Amino acid sequence: MVANTQKENEAKEICLKKIEEHQLPMKLVDVEYTFDGSKVI
């Protein structure tokens, strides 16, 4: 769970950069990994 939290922080930074690249009118609020890592929301 602690490792997932760290990955969520990294995923948030990556997604923010991708949103800026695509110039999408959206505001990223949060990122969540499922416990088994099968999905990122």
ModelCIF file with pLDDT and N, C-alpha, C, O atoms, coordinates in Angstrom:
data_MODEL
#
_entry.id   MODEL 
#
_entity.id                         1 
_entity.type                       polymer 
_entity.pdbx_number_of_molecules   1 
#
_entity_poly.entity_id                      1 
_entity_poly.type                           'polypeptide(L)' 
_entity_poly.nstd_linkage                   no 
_entity_poly.nstd_monomer                   no 
_entity_poly.pdbx_seq_one_letter_code       MVANTQKENEAKEICLKKIEEHQLPMKLVDVEYTFDGSKVI 
_entity_poly.pdbx_seq_one_letter_code_can   MVANTQKENEAKEICLKKIEEHQLPMKLVDVEYTFDGSKVI 
_entity_poly.pdbx_strand_id                 A 
#
loop_
_entity_poly_seq.entity_id 
_entity_poly_seq.num 
_entity_poly_seq.mon_id 
_entity_poly_seq.hetero 
1 1  MET n 
1 2  VAL n 
1 3  ALA n 
1 4  ASN n 
1 5  THR n 
1 6  GLN n 
1 7  LYS n 
1 8  GLU n 
1 9  ASN n 
1 10 GLU n 
1 11 ALA n 
1 12 LYS n 
1 13 GLU n 
1 14 ILE n 
1 15 CYS n 
1 16 LEU n 
1 17 LYS n 
1 18 LYS n 
1 19 ILE n 
1 20 GLU n 
1 21 GLU n 
1 22 HIS n 
1 23 GLN n 
1 24 LEU n 
1 25 PRO n 
1 26 MET n 
1 27 LYS n 
1 28 LEU n 
1 29 VAL n 
1 30 ASP n 
1 31 VAL n 
1 32 GLU n 
1 33 TYR n 
1 34 THR n 
1 35 PHE n 
1 36 ASP n 
1 37 GLY n 
1 38 SER n 
1 39 LYS n 
1 40 VAL n 
1 41 ILE n 
#
_struct_asym.id          A 
_struct_asym.entity_id   1 
#
loop_
_ma_qa_metric.id 
_ma_qa_metric.mode 
_ma_qa_metric.name 
_ma_qa_metric.software_group_id 
_ma_qa_metric.type 
1 global pLDDT . pLDDT 
2 local  pLDDT . pLDDT 
#
_ma_qa_metric_global.metric_id      1 
_ma_qa_metric_global.metric_value   93.49 
_ma_qa_metric_global.model_id       1 
_ma_qa_metric_global.ordinal_id     1 
#
loop_
_ma_qa_metric_local.label_asym_id 
_ma_qa_metric_local.label_comp_id 
_ma_qa_metric_local.label_seq_id 
_ma_qa_metric_local.metric_id 
_ma_qa_metric_local.metric_value 
_ma_qa_metric_local.model_id 
_ma_qa_metric_local.ordinal_id 
A MET 1  2 93.00 1 1  
A VAL 2  2 92.00 1 2  
A ALA 3  2 94.00 1 3  
A ASN 4  2 93.00 1 4  
A THR 5  2 92.00 1 5  
A GLN 6  2 93.00 1 6  
A LYS 7  2 94.00 1 7  
A GLU 8  2 94.00 1 8  
A ASN 9  2 93.00 1 9  
A GLU 10 2 94.00 1 10 
A ALA 11 2 95.00 1 11 
A LYS 12 2 95.00 1 12 
A GLU 13 2 95.00 1 13 
A ILE 14 2 95.00 1 14 
A CYS 15 2 95.00 1 15 
A LEU 16 2 96.00 1 16 
A LYS 17 2 95.00 1 17 
A LYS 18 2 95.00 1 18 
A ILE 19 2 95.00 1 19 
A GLU 20 2 94.00 1 20 
A GLU 21 2 93.00 1 21 
A HIS 22 2 93.00 1 22 
A GLN 23 2 94.00 1 23 
A LEU 24 2 95.00 1 24 
A PRO 25 2 95.00 1 25 
A MET 26 2 95.00 1 26 
A LYS 27 2 95.00 1 27 
A LEU 28 2 96.00 1 28 
A VAL 29 2 95.00 1 29 
A ASP 30 2 94.00 1 30 
A VAL 31 2 95.00 1 31 
A GLU 32 2 94.00 1 32 
A TYR 33 2 93.00 1 33 
A THR 34 2 91.00 1 34 
A PHE 35 2 91.00 1 35 
A ASP 36 2 88.00 1 36 
A GLY 37 2 88.00 1 37 
A SER 38 2 88.00 1 38 
A LYS 39 2 91.00 1 39 
A VAL 40 2 93.00 1 40 
A ILE 41 2 94.00 1 41 
#
loop_
_atom_site.group_PDB 
_atom_site.id 
_atom_site.type_symbol 
_atom_site.label_atom_id 
_atom_site.label_alt_id 
_atom_site.label_comp_id 
_atom_site.label_asym_id 
_atom_site.label_entity_id 
_atom_site.label_seq_id 
_atom_site.pdbx_PDB_ins_code 
_atom_site.Cartn_x 
_atom_site.Cartn_y 
_atom_site.Cartn_z 
_atom_site.occupancy 
_atom_site.B_iso_or_equiv 
_atom_site.pdbx_formal_charge 
_atom_site.auth_seq_id 
_atom_site.auth_comp_id 
_atom_site.auth_asym_id 
_atom_site.auth_atom_id 
_atom_site.pdbx_PDB_model_num 
ATOM 1   N N  . MET A 1 1  ? 0.824   -1.199 0.000   1.00 93.00 ? 1  MET A N  1 
ATOM 2   C CA . MET A 1 1  ? 0.000   0.000  0.000   1.00 93.00 ? 1  MET A CA 1 
ATOM 3   C C  . MET A 1 1  ? 0.865   1.260  0.000   1.00 93.00 ? 1  MET A C  1 
ATOM 4   O O  . MET A 1 1  ? 0.559   2.232  -0.691  1.00 93.00 ? 1  MET A O  1 
ATOM 5   N N  . VAL A 1 2  ? 1.943   1.234  0.777   1.00 92.00 ? 2  VAL A N  1 
ATOM 6   C CA . VAL A 1 2  ? 2.860   2.380  0.805   1.00 92.00 ? 2  VAL A CA 1 
ATOM 7   C C  . VAL A 1 2  ? 3.519   2.566  -0.562  1.00 92.00 ? 2  VAL A C  1 
ATOM 8   O O  . VAL A 1 2  ? 3.684   3.689  -1.040  1.00 92.00 ? 2  VAL A O  1 
ATOM 9   N N  . ALA A 1 3  ? 3.892   1.444  -1.180  1.00 94.00 ? 3  ALA A N  1 
ATOM 10  C CA . ALA A 1 3  ? 4.508   1.518  -2.506  1.00 94.00 ? 3  ALA A CA 1 
ATOM 11  C C  . ALA A 1 3  ? 3.522   2.067  -3.532  1.00 94.00 ? 3  ALA A C  1 
ATOM 12  O O  . ALA A 1 3  ? 3.902   2.837  -4.414  1.00 94.00 ? 3  ALA A O  1 
ATOM 13  N N  . ASN A 1 4  ? 2.244   1.668  -3.416  1.00 93.00 ? 4  ASN A N  1 
ATOM 14  C CA . ASN A 1 4  ? 1.224   2.184  -4.329  1.00 93.00 ? 4  ASN A CA 1 
ATOM 15  C C  . ASN A 1 4  ? 1.069   3.692  -4.189  1.00 93.00 ? 4  ASN A C  1 
ATOM 16  O O  . ASN A 1 4  ? 0.878   4.398  -5.180  1.00 93.00 ? 4  ASN A O  1 
ATOM 17  N N  . THR A 1 5  ? 1.152   4.183  -2.953  1.00 92.00 ? 5  THR A N  1 
ATOM 18  C CA . THR A 1 5  ? 1.039   5.627  -2.717  1.00 92.00 ? 5  THR A CA 1 
ATOM 19  C C  . THR A 1 5  ? 2.169   6.372  -3.409  1.00 92.00 ? 5  THR A C  1 
ATOM 20  O O  . THR A 1 5  ? 1.949   7.428  -4.002  1.00 92.00 ? 5  THR A O  1 
ATOM 21  N N  . GLN A 1 6  ? 3.359   5.835  -3.338  1.00 93.00 ? 6  GLN A N  1 
ATOM 22  C CA . GLN A 1 6  ? 4.495   6.468  -4.013  1.00 93.00 ? 6  GLN A CA 1 
ATOM 23  C C  . GLN A 1 6  ? 4.303   6.461  -5.533  1.00 93.00 ? 6  GLN A C  1 
ATOM 24  O O  . GLN A 1 6  ? 4.615   7.441  -6.211  1.00 93.00 ? 6  GLN A O  1 
ATOM 25  N N  . LYS A 1 7  ? 3.792   5.357  -6.052  1.00 94.00 ? 7  LYS A N  1 
ATOM 26  C CA . LYS A 1 7  ? 3.556   5.278  -7.495  1.00 94.00 ? 7  LYS A CA 1 
ATOM 27  C C  . LYS A 1 7  ? 2.450   6.250  -7.926  1.00 94.00 ? 7  LYS A C  1 
ATOM 28  O O  . LYS A 1 7  ? 2.488   6.791  -9.030  1.00 94.00 ? 7  LYS A O  1 
ATOM 29  N N  . GLU A 1 8  ? 1.469   6.464  -7.047  1.00 94.00 ? 8  GLU A N  1 
ATOM 30  C CA . GLU A 1 8  ? 0.401   7.410  -7.364  1.00 94.00 ? 8  GLU A CA 1 
ATOM 31  C C  . GLU A 1 8  ? 0.951   8.821  -7.518  1.00 94.00 ? 8  GLU A C  1 
ATOM 32  O O  . GLU A 1 8  ? 0.536   9.551  -8.418  1.00 94.00 ? 8  GLU A O  1 
ATOM 33  N N  . ASN A 1 9  ? 1.871   9.208  -6.657  1.00 93.00 ? 9  ASN A N  1 
ATOM 34  C CA . ASN A 1 9  ? 2.482   10.541 -6.759  1.00 93.00 ? 9  ASN A CA 1 
ATOM 35  C C  . ASN A 1 9  ? 3.249   10.700 -8.066  1.00 93.00 ? 9  ASN A C  1 
ATOM 36  O O  . ASN A 1 9  ? 3.187   11.745 -8.713  1.00 93.00 ? 9  ASN A O  1 
ATOM 37  N N  . GLU A 1 10 ? 3.974   9.648  -8.445  1.00 94.00 ? 10 GLU A N  1 
ATOM 38  C CA . GLU A 1 10 ? 4.723   9.700  -9.707  1.00 94.00 ? 10 GLU A CA 1 
ATOM 39  C C  . GLU A 1 10 ? 3.768   9.746  -10.900 1.00 94.00 ? 10 GLU A C  1 
ATOM 40  O O  . GLU A 1 10 ? 3.998   10.475 -11.864 1.00 94.00 ? 10 GLU A O  1 
ATOM 41  N N  . ALA A 1 11 ? 2.692   8.956  -10.821 1.00 95.00 ? 11 ALA A N  1 
ATOM 42  C CA . ALA A 1 11 ? 1.729   8.922  -11.918 1.00 95.00 ? 11 ALA A CA 1 
ATOM 43  C C  . ALA A 1 11 ? 1.037   10.269 -12.087 1.00 95.00 ? 11 ALA A C  1 
ATOM 44  O O  . ALA A 1 11 ? 0.718   10.673 -13.205 1.00 95.00 ? 11 ALA A O  1 
ATOM 45  N N  . LYS A 1 12 ? 0.808   10.958 -10.979 1.00 95.00 ? 12 LYS A N  1 
ATOM 46  C CA . LYS A 1 12 ? 0.153   12.267 -11.055 1.00 95.00 ? 12 LYS A CA 1 
ATOM 47  C C  . LYS A 1 12 ? 1.021   13.267 -11.808 1.00 95.00 ? 12 LYS A C  1 
ATOM 48  O O  . LYS A 1 12 ? 0.517   14.040 -12.624 1.00 95.00 ? 12 LYS A O  1 
ATOM 49  N N  . GLU A 1 13 ? 2.316   13.254 -11.538 1.00 95.00 ? 13 GLU A N  1 
ATOM 50  C CA . GLU A 1 13 ? 3.224   14.178 -12.231 1.00 95.00 ? 13 GLU A CA 1 
ATOM 51  C C  . GLU A 1 13 ? 3.269   13.888 -13.726 1.00 95.00 ? 13 GLU A C  1 
ATOM 52  O O  . GLU A 1 13 ? 3.274   14.804 -14.547 1.00 95.00 ? 13 GLU A O  1 
ATOM 53  N N  . ILE A 1 14 ? 3.302   12.602 -14.069 1.00 95.00 ? 14 ILE A N  1 
ATOM 54  C CA . ILE A 1 14 ? 3.339   12.231 -15.491 1.00 95.00 ? 14 ILE A CA 1 
ATOM 55  C C  . ILE A 1 14 ? 2.057   12.657 -16.194 1.00 95.00 ? 14 ILE A C  1 
ATOM 56  O O  . ILE A 1 14 ? 2.090   13.192 -17.302 1.00 95.00 ? 14 ILE A O  1 
ATOM 57  N N  . CYS A 1 15 ? 0.928   12.411 -15.534 1.00 95.00 ? 15 CYS A N  1 
ATOM 58  C CA . CYS A 1 15 ? -0.356  12.753 -16.153 1.00 95.00 ? 15 CYS A CA 1 
ATOM 59  C C  . CYS A 1 15 ? -0.498  14.263 -16.341 1.00 95.00 ? 15 CYS A C  1 
ATOM 60  O O  . CYS A 1 15 ? -1.028  14.710 -17.357 1.00 95.00 ? 15 CYS A O  1 
ATOM 61  N N  . LEU A 1 16 ? -0.034  15.043 -15.383 1.00 96.00 ? 16 LEU A N  1 
ATOM 62  C CA . LEU A 1 16 ? -0.105  16.501 -15.514 1.00 96.00 ? 16 LEU A CA 1 
ATOM 63  C C  . LEU A 1 16 ? 0.667   16.977 -16.748 1.00 96.00 ? 16 LEU A C  1 
ATOM 64  O O  . LEU A 1 16 ? 0.218   17.876 -17.457 1.00 96.00 ? 16 LEU A O  1 
ATOM 65  N N  . LYS A 1 17 ? 1.829   16.369 -16.998 1.00 95.00 ? 17 LYS A N  1 
ATOM 66  C CA . LYS A 1 17 ? 2.624   16.734 -18.165 1.00 95.00 ? 17 LYS A CA 1 
ATOM 67  C C  . LYS A 1 17 ? 1.896   16.340 -19.448 1.00 95.00 ? 17 LYS A C  1 
ATOM 68  O O  . LYS A 1 17 ? 1.897   17.093 -20.422 1.00 95.00 ? 17 LYS A O  1 
ATOM 69  N N  . LYS A 1 18 ? 1.273   15.156 -19.448 1.00 95.00 ? 18 LYS A N  1 
ATOM 70  C CA . LYS A 1 18 ? 0.551   14.704 -20.640 1.00 95.00 ? 18 LYS A CA 1 
ATOM 71  C C  . LYS A 1 18 ? -0.660  15.592 -20.931 1.00 95.00 ? 18 LYS A C  1 
ATOM 72  O O  . LYS A 1 18 ? -0.961  15.885 -22.089 1.00 95.00 ? 18 LYS A O  1 
ATOM 73  N N  . ILE A 1 19 ? -1.349  16.017 -19.872 1.00 95.00 ? 19 ILE A N  1 
ATOM 74  C CA . ILE A 1 19 ? -2.503  16.904 -20.066 1.00 95.00 ? 19 ILE A CA 1 
ATOM 75  C C  . ILE A 1 19 ? -2.057  18.222 -20.686 1.00 95.00 ? 19 ILE A C  1 
ATOM 76  O O  . ILE A 1 19 ? -2.729  18.770 -21.560 1.00 95.00 ? 19 ILE A O  1 
ATOM 77  N N  . GLU A 1 20 ? -0.924  18.719 -20.226 1.00 94.00 ? 20 GLU A N  1 
ATOM 78  C CA . GLU A 1 20 ? -0.394  19.978 -20.767 1.00 94.00 ? 20 GLU A CA 1 
ATOM 79  C C  . GLU A 1 20 ? 0.018   19.807 -22.224 1.00 94.00 ? 20 GLU A C  1 
ATOM 80  O O  . GLU A 1 20 ? -0.200  20.699 -23.044 1.00 94.00 ? 20 GLU A O  1 
ATOM 81  N N  . GLU A 1 21 ? 0.617   18.657 -22.546 1.00 93.00 ? 21 GLU A N  1 
ATOM 82  C CA . GLU A 1 21 ? 1.036   18.404 -23.930 1.00 93.00 ? 21 GLU A CA 1 
ATOM 83  C C  . GLU A 1 21 ? -0.170  18.366 -24.866 1.00 93.00 ? 21 GLU A C  1 
ATOM 84  O O  . GLU A 1 21 ? -0.120  18.893 -25.977 1.00 93.00 ? 21 GLU A O  1 
ATOM 85  N N  . HIS A 1 22 ? -1.251  17.737 -24.408 1.00 93.00 ? 22 HIS A N  1 
ATOM 86  C CA . HIS A 1 22 ? -2.442  17.616 -25.252 1.00 93.00 ? 22 HIS A CA 1 
ATOM 87  C C  . HIS A 1 22 ? -3.351  18.838 -25.153 1.00 93.00 ? 22 HIS A C  1 
ATOM 88  O O  . HIS A 1 22 ? -4.344  18.937 -25.874 1.00 93.00 ? 22 HIS A O  1 
ATOM 89  N N  . GLN A 1 23 ? -3.009  19.771 -24.256 1.00 94.00 ? 23 GLN A N  1 
ATOM 90  C CA . GLN A 1 23 ? -3.779  21.015 -24.080 1.00 94.00 ? 23 GLN A CA 1 
ATOM 91  C C  . GLN A 1 23 ? -5.259  20.718 -23.842 1.00 94.00 ? 23 GLN A C  1 
ATOM 92  O O  . GLN A 1 23 ? -6.138  21.269 -24.505 1.00 94.00 ? 23 GLN A O  1 
ATOM 93  N N  . LEU A 1 24 ? -5.504  19.844 -22.893 1.00 95.00 ? 24 LEU A N  1 
ATOM 94  C CA . LEU A 1 24 ? -6.880  19.465 -22.568 1.00 95.00 ? 24 LEU A CA 1 
ATOM 95  C C  . LEU A 1 24 ? -7.431  20.358 -21.457 1.00 95.00 ? 24 LEU A C  1 
ATOM 96  O O  . LEU A 1 24 ? -6.722  20.655 -20.495 1.00 95.00 ? 24 LEU A O  1 
ATOM 97  N N  . PRO A 1 25 ? -8.699  20.792 -21.582 1.00 95.00 ? 25 PRO A N  1 
ATOM 98  C CA . PRO A 1 25 ? -9.318  21.656 -20.562 1.00 95.00 ? 25 PRO A CA 1 
ATOM 99  C C  . PRO A 1 25 ? -9.831  20.842 -19.373 1.00 95.00 ? 25 PRO A C  1 
ATOM 100 O O  . PRO A 1 25 ? -11.039 20.728 -19.167 1.00 95.00 ? 25 PRO A O  1 
ATOM 101 N N  . MET A 1 26 ? -8.924  20.290 -18.608 1.00 95.00 ? 26 MET A N  1 
ATOM 102 C CA . MET A 1 26 ? -9.300  19.446 -17.477 1.00 95.00 ? 26 MET A CA 1 
ATOM 103 C C  . MET A 1 26 ? -8.326  19.679 -16.330 1.00 95.00 ? 26 MET A C  1 
ATOM 104 O O  . MET A 1 26 ? -7.179  20.072 -16.544 1.00 95.00 ? 26 MET A O  1 
ATOM 105 N N  . LYS A 1 27 ? -8.796  19.431 -15.113 1.00 95.00 ? 27 LYS A N  1 
ATOM 106 C CA . LYS A 1 27 ? -7.986  19.617 -13.917 1.00 95.00 ? 27 LYS A CA 1 
ATOM 107 C C  . LYS A 1 27 ? -7.835  18.271 -13.216 1.00 95.00 ? 27 LYS A C  1 
ATOM 108 O O  . LYS A 1 27 ? -8.821  17.693 -12.759 1.00 95.00 ? 27 LYS A O  1 
ATOM 109 N N  . LEU A 1 28 ? -6.616  17.775 -13.132 1.00 96.00 ? 28 LEU A N  1 
ATOM 110 C CA . LEU A 1 28 ? -6.364  16.503 -12.466 1.00 96.00 ? 28 LEU A CA 1 
ATOM 111 C C  . LEU A 1 28 ? -6.475  16.687 -10.956 1.00 96.00 ? 28 LEU A C  1 
ATOM 112 O O  . LEU A 1 28 ? -5.843  17.578 -10.387 1.00 96.00 ? 28 LEU A O  1 
ATOM 113 N N  . VAL A 1 29 ? -7.273  15.849 -10.312 1.00 95.00 ? 29 VAL A N  1 
ATOM 114 C CA . VAL A 1 29 ? -7.516  15.970 -8.866  1.00 95.00 ? 29 VAL A CA 1 
ATOM 115 C C  . VAL A 1 29 ? -6.749  14.926 -8.081  1.00 95.00 ? 29 VAL A C  1 
ATOM 116 O O  . VAL A 1 29 ? -6.093  15.248 -7.091  1.00 95.00 ? 29 VAL A O  1 
ATOM 117 N N  . ASP A 1 30 ? -6.825  13.678 -8.514  1.00 94.00 ? 30 ASP A N  1 
ATOM 118 C CA . ASP A 1 30 ? -6.192  12.609 -7.743  1.00 94.00 ? 30 ASP A CA 1 
ATOM 119 C C  . ASP A 1 30 ? -5.909  11.416 -8.646  1.00 94.00 ? 30 ASP A C  1 
ATOM 120 O O  . ASP A 1 30 ? -6.492  11.270 -9.720  1.00 94.00 ? 30 ASP A O  1 
ATOM 121 N N  . VAL A 1 31 ? -4.998  10.568 -8.179  1.00 95.00 ? 31 VAL A N  1 
ATOM 122 C CA . VAL A 1 31 ? -4.652  9.332  -8.890  1.00 95.00 ? 31 VAL A CA 1 
ATOM 123 C C  . VAL A 1 31 ? -4.727  8.186  -7.887  1.00 95.00 ? 31 VAL A C  1 
ATOM 124 O O  . VAL A 1 31 ? -4.297  8.319  -6.741  1.00 95.00 ? 31 VAL A O  1 
ATOM 125 N N  . GLU A 1 32 ? -5.272  7.071  -8.329  1.00 94.00 ? 32 GLU A N  1 
ATOM 126 C CA . GLU A 1 32 ? -5.427  5.924  -7.440  1.00 94.00 ? 32 GLU A CA 1 
ATOM 127 C C  . GLU A 1 32 ? -5.025  4.636  -8.151  1.00 94.00 ? 32 GLU A C  1 
ATOM 128 O O  . GLU A 1 32 ? -5.511  4.331  -9.241  1.00 94.00 ? 32 GLU A O  1 
ATOM 129 N N  . TYR A 1 33 ? -4.137  3.894  -7.517  1.00 93.00 ? 33 TYR A N  1 
ATOM 130 C CA . TYR A 1 33 ? -3.787  2.553  -7.980  1.00 93.00 ? 33 TYR A CA 1 
ATOM 131 C C  . TYR A 1 33 ? -4.669  1.553  -7.256  1.00 93.00 ? 33 TYR A C  1 
ATOM 132 O O  . TYR A 1 33 ? -4.875  1.672  -6.048  1.00 93.00 ? 33 TYR A O  1 
ATOM 133 N N  . THR A 1 34 ? -5.194  0.569  -7.975  1.00 91.00 ? 34 THR A N  1 
ATOM 134 C CA . THR A 1 34 ? -5.848  -0.524 -7.268  1.00 91.00 ? 34 THR A CA 1 
ATOM 135 C C  . THR A 1 34 ? -4.773  -1.321 -6.523  1.00 91.00 ? 34 THR A C  1 
ATOM 136 O O  . THR A 1 34 ? -3.595  -1.267 -6.879  1.00 91.00 ? 34 THR A O  1 
ATOM 137 N N  . PHE A 1 35 ? -5.185  -2.057 -5.492  1.00 91.00 ? 35 PHE A N  1 
ATOM 138 C CA . PHE A 1 35 ? -4.218  -2.712 -4.614  1.00 91.00 ? 35 PHE A CA 1 
ATOM 139 C C  . PHE A 1 35 ? -3.288  -3.652 -5.380  1.00 91.00 ? 35 PHE A C  1 
ATOM 140 O O  . PHE A 1 35 ? -2.088  -3.701 -5.111  1.00 91.00 ? 35 PHE A O  1 
ATOM 141 N N  . ASP A 1 36 ? -3.849  -4.398 -6.337  1.00 88.00 ? 36 ASP A N  1 
ATOM 142 C CA . ASP A 1 36 ? -3.026  -5.351 -7.080  1.00 88.00 ? 36 ASP A CA 1 
ATOM 143 C C  . ASP A 1 36 ? -2.322  -4.708 -8.279  1.00 88.00 ? 36 ASP A C  1 
ATOM 144 O O  . ASP A 1 36 ? -1.619  -5.393 -9.021  1.00 88.00 ? 36 ASP A O  1 
ATOM 145 N N  . GLY A 1 37 ? -2.507  -3.399 -8.474  1.00 88.00 ? 37 GLY A N  1 
ATOM 146 C CA . GLY A 1 37 ? -1.823  -2.704 -9.558  1.00 88.00 ? 37 GLY A CA 1 
ATOM 147 C C  . GLY A 1 37 ? -2.368  -2.997 -10.940 1.00 88.00 ? 37 GLY A C  1 
ATOM 148 O O  . GLY A 1 37 ? -1.715  -2.697 -11.940 1.00 88.00 ? 37 GLY A O  1 
ATOM 149 N N  . SER A 1 38 ? -3.560  -3.580 -11.013 1.00 88.00 ? 38 SER A N  1 
ATOM 150 C CA . SER A 1 38 ? -4.111  -3.942 -12.317 1.00 88.00 ? 38 SER A CA 1 
ATOM 151 C C  . SER A 1 38 ? -4.756  -2.763 -13.036 1.00 88.00 ? 38 SER A C  1 
ATOM 152 O O  . SER A 1 38 ? -5.057  -2.852 -14.227 1.00 88.00 ? 38 SER A O  1 
ATOM 153 N N  . LYS A 1 39 ? -4.970  -1.656 -12.318 1.00 91.00 ? 39 LYS A N  1 
ATOM 154 C CA . LYS A 1 39 ? -5.614  -0.500 -12.936 1.00 91.00 ? 39 LYS A CA 1 
ATOM 155 C C  . LYS A 1 39 ? -5.139  0.774  -12.238 1.00 91.00 ? 39 LYS A C  1 
ATOM 156 O O  . LYS A 1 39 ? -4.881  0.788  -11.034 1.00 91.00 ? 39 LYS A O  1 
ATOM 157 N N  . VAL A 1 40 ? -5.031  1.853  -13.036 1.00 93.00 ? 40 VAL A N  1 
ATOM 158 C CA . VAL A 1 40 ? -4.741  3.179  -12.499 1.00 93.00 ? 40 VAL A CA 1 
ATOM 159 C C  . VAL A 1 40 ? -5.915  4.077  -12.844 1.00 93.00 ? 40 VAL A C  1 
ATOM 160 O O  . VAL A 1 40 ? -6.313  4.172  -14.005 1.00 93.00 ? 40 VAL A O  1 
ATOM 161 N N  . ILE A 1 41 ? -6.472  4.740  -11.831 1.00 94.00 ? 41 ILE A N  1 
ATOM 162 C CA . ILE A 1 41 ? -7.645  5.598  -12.024 1.00 94.00 ? 41 ILE A CA 1 
ATOM 163 C C  . ILE A 1 41 ? -7.230  7.047  -11.823 1.00 94.00 ? 41 ILE A C  1 
ATOM 164 O O  . ILE A 1 41 ? -8.060  7.949  -11.937 1.00 94.00 ? 41 ILE A O  1 
#
